[in-house]
């Protein structure tokens, strides 16, 4: 089944590049959001199966937004993303319902599939 993906990042350039990359690899990107409130509204409206969620957002950080997304009636799978190294965010990952983390420079459909297969 094809993932229905919502990309949440406050940088328009990254959202655009991530969308183009993932769509070229056959991923159905159903929307984009710029912050936590926008992500919750988009998830409620679009019902993505997967949310790629930047850790550094204005307002609530990605860890807090992941917890809020998990409380939705039909919660999406959340993968946290960041330009930071995994070692810098590992402590926060243990306290979220996110299934894992991908560095932004490693983002691809194959990397998402590999993370979800764990």
Protein backbone atom coordinates (compact mmCIF):
# COMPACT_ATOMS: atom_id res chain seq x y z
CA UNK A 1 0.00 0.00 0.00
CA UNK A 2 1.29 3.45 -0.86
CA UNK A 3 1.92 5.75 2.08
CA UNK A 4 -0.11 8.97 2.22
CA UNK A 5 2.49 11.41 3.54
CA UNK A 6 2.21 14.79 5.25
CA UNK A 7 5.47 16.78 5.41
CA UNK A 8 5.81 19.12 8.41
CA UNK A 9 8.70 21.59 8.29
CA UNK A 10 8.92 25.35 8.70
CA UNK A 11 11.29 25.75 5.73
CA UNK A 12 9.44 25.98 2.43
CA UNK A 13 12.54 25.00 0.45
CA UNK A 14 12.91 21.74 2.34
CA UNK A 15 9.20 20.91 2.02
CA UNK A 16 9.35 21.50 -1.71
CA UNK A 17 12.53 19.43 -2.18
CA UNK A 18 11.23 16.60 0.01
CA UNK A 19 7.92 16.53 -1.86
CA UNK A 20 9.65 16.43 -5.26
CA UNK A 21 12.03 13.68 -4.13
CA UNK A 22 9.37 11.48 -2.54
CA UNK A 23 6.87 11.94 -5.36
CA UNK A 24 9.57 11.01 -7.90
CA UNK A 25 9.96 7.77 -5.92
CA UNK A 26 6.23 7.00 -6.02
CA UNK A 27 5.20 8.35 -2.62
CA UNK A 28 1.80 10.07 -2.39
CA UNK A 29 2.50 13.38 -0.63
CA UNK A 30 -0.96 14.59 0.39
CA UNK A 31 0.06 17.83 2.06
CA UNK A 32 2.48 20.10 3.82
CA UNK A 33 2.39 21.97 7.13
CA UNK A 34 4.62 24.66 8.65
CA UNK A 35 4.15 24.14 12.41
CA UNK A 36 2.42 22.00 15.00
CA UNK A 37 -1.01 23.63 14.80
CA UNK A 38 -0.92 23.45 11.00
CA UNK A 39 0.18 19.79 11.21
CA UNK A 40 -2.71 18.83 13.50
CA UNK A 41 -5.24 20.58 11.27
CA UNK A 42 -3.77 19.01 8.12
CA UNK A 43 -3.67 15.53 9.68
CA UNK A 44 -7.31 15.86 10.74
CA UNK A 45 -8.31 17.06 7.26
CA UNK A 46 -6.09 14.85 5.05
CA UNK A 47 -5.80 11.62 7.09
CA UNK A 48 -2.19 10.82 6.12
CA UNK A 49 -0.87 7.38 6.97
CA UNK A 50 2.58 8.87 7.70
CA UNK A 51 3.78 12.24 8.96
CA UNK A 52 7.37 13.34 8.36
CA UNK A 53 7.80 15.74 11.26
CA UNK A 54 10.69 18.15 11.73
CA UNK A 55 11.93 18.29 15.31
CA UNK A 56 12.67 22.04 15.27
CA UNK A 57 9.44 23.92 14.64
CA UNK A 58 8.14 27.30 15.76
CA UNK A 59 5.94 26.87 18.83
CA UNK A 60 5.70 23.24 19.93
CA UNK A 61 8.70 21.15 18.92
CA UNK A 62 8.33 17.95 16.93
CA UNK A 63 8.40 15.78 20.04
CA UNK A 64 5.33 17.57 21.47
CA UNK A 65 3.56 17.55 18.10
CA UNK A 66 4.17 13.79 17.76
CA UNK A 67 2.42 13.24 21.10
CA UNK A 68 -0.54 15.37 19.96
CA UNK A 69 -0.77 13.50 16.64
CA UNK A 70 -0.84 10.20 18.55
CA UNK A 71 -3.95 11.38 20.39
CA UNK A 72 -5.99 11.76 17.18
CA UNK A 73 -8.85 9.32 16.59
CA UNK A 74 -6.97 7.76 13.66
CA UNK A 75 -3.33 8.60 14.41
CA UNK A 76 -0.76 8.55 11.62
CA UNK A 77 2.63 6.92 11.92
CA UNK A 78 5.18 9.63 12.77
CA UNK A 79 8.78 9.72 11.61
CA UNK A 80 10.82 12.56 13.07
CA UNK A 81 13.28 14.33 10.77
CA UNK A 82 16.02 16.88 11.40
CA UNK A 83 19.19 18.33 10.00
CA UNK A 84 20.75 17.40 13.36
CA UNK A 85 22.53 14.08 13.85
CA UNK A 86 20.68 11.17 15.42
CA UNK A 87 22.98 11.31 18.43
CA UNK A 88 21.72 14.84 19.18
CA UNK A 89 18.04 13.85 19.23
CA UNK A 90 18.15 10.32 20.61
CA UNK A 91 17.19 11.33 24.17
CA UNK A 92 13.99 13.00 23.00
CA UNK A 93 12.99 10.07 20.79
CA UNK A 94 12.46 7.73 23.73
CA UNK A 95 9.68 9.97 25.05
CA UNK A 96 7.58 10.18 21.87
CA UNK A 97 5.25 7.85 20.00
CA UNK A 98 7.30 8.38 16.81
CA UNK A 99 8.46 5.16 15.17
CA UNK A 100 11.91 6.56 14.55
CA UNK A 101 14.15 9.25 13.15
CA UNK A 102 15.67 10.06 9.77
CA UNK A 103 18.28 12.73 9.13
CA UNK A 104 17.00 15.06 6.41
CA UNK A 105 20.00 14.31 4.20
CA UNK A 106 19.06 10.60 4.19
CA UNK A 107 15.39 11.07 3.33
CA UNK A 108 14.10 8.74 0.61
CA UNK A 109 11.22 6.34 0.07
CA UNK A 110 13.62 3.44 0.65
CA UNK A 111 14.85 4.93 3.95
CA UNK A 112 11.26 5.38 5.13
CA UNK A 113 10.38 1.81 4.14
CA UNK A 114 13.47 0.47 5.94
CA UNK A 115 12.59 2.41 9.11
CA UNK A 116 8.99 1.19 9.05
CA UNK A 117 10.10 -2.41 8.50
CA UNK A 118 12.03 -2.50 11.79
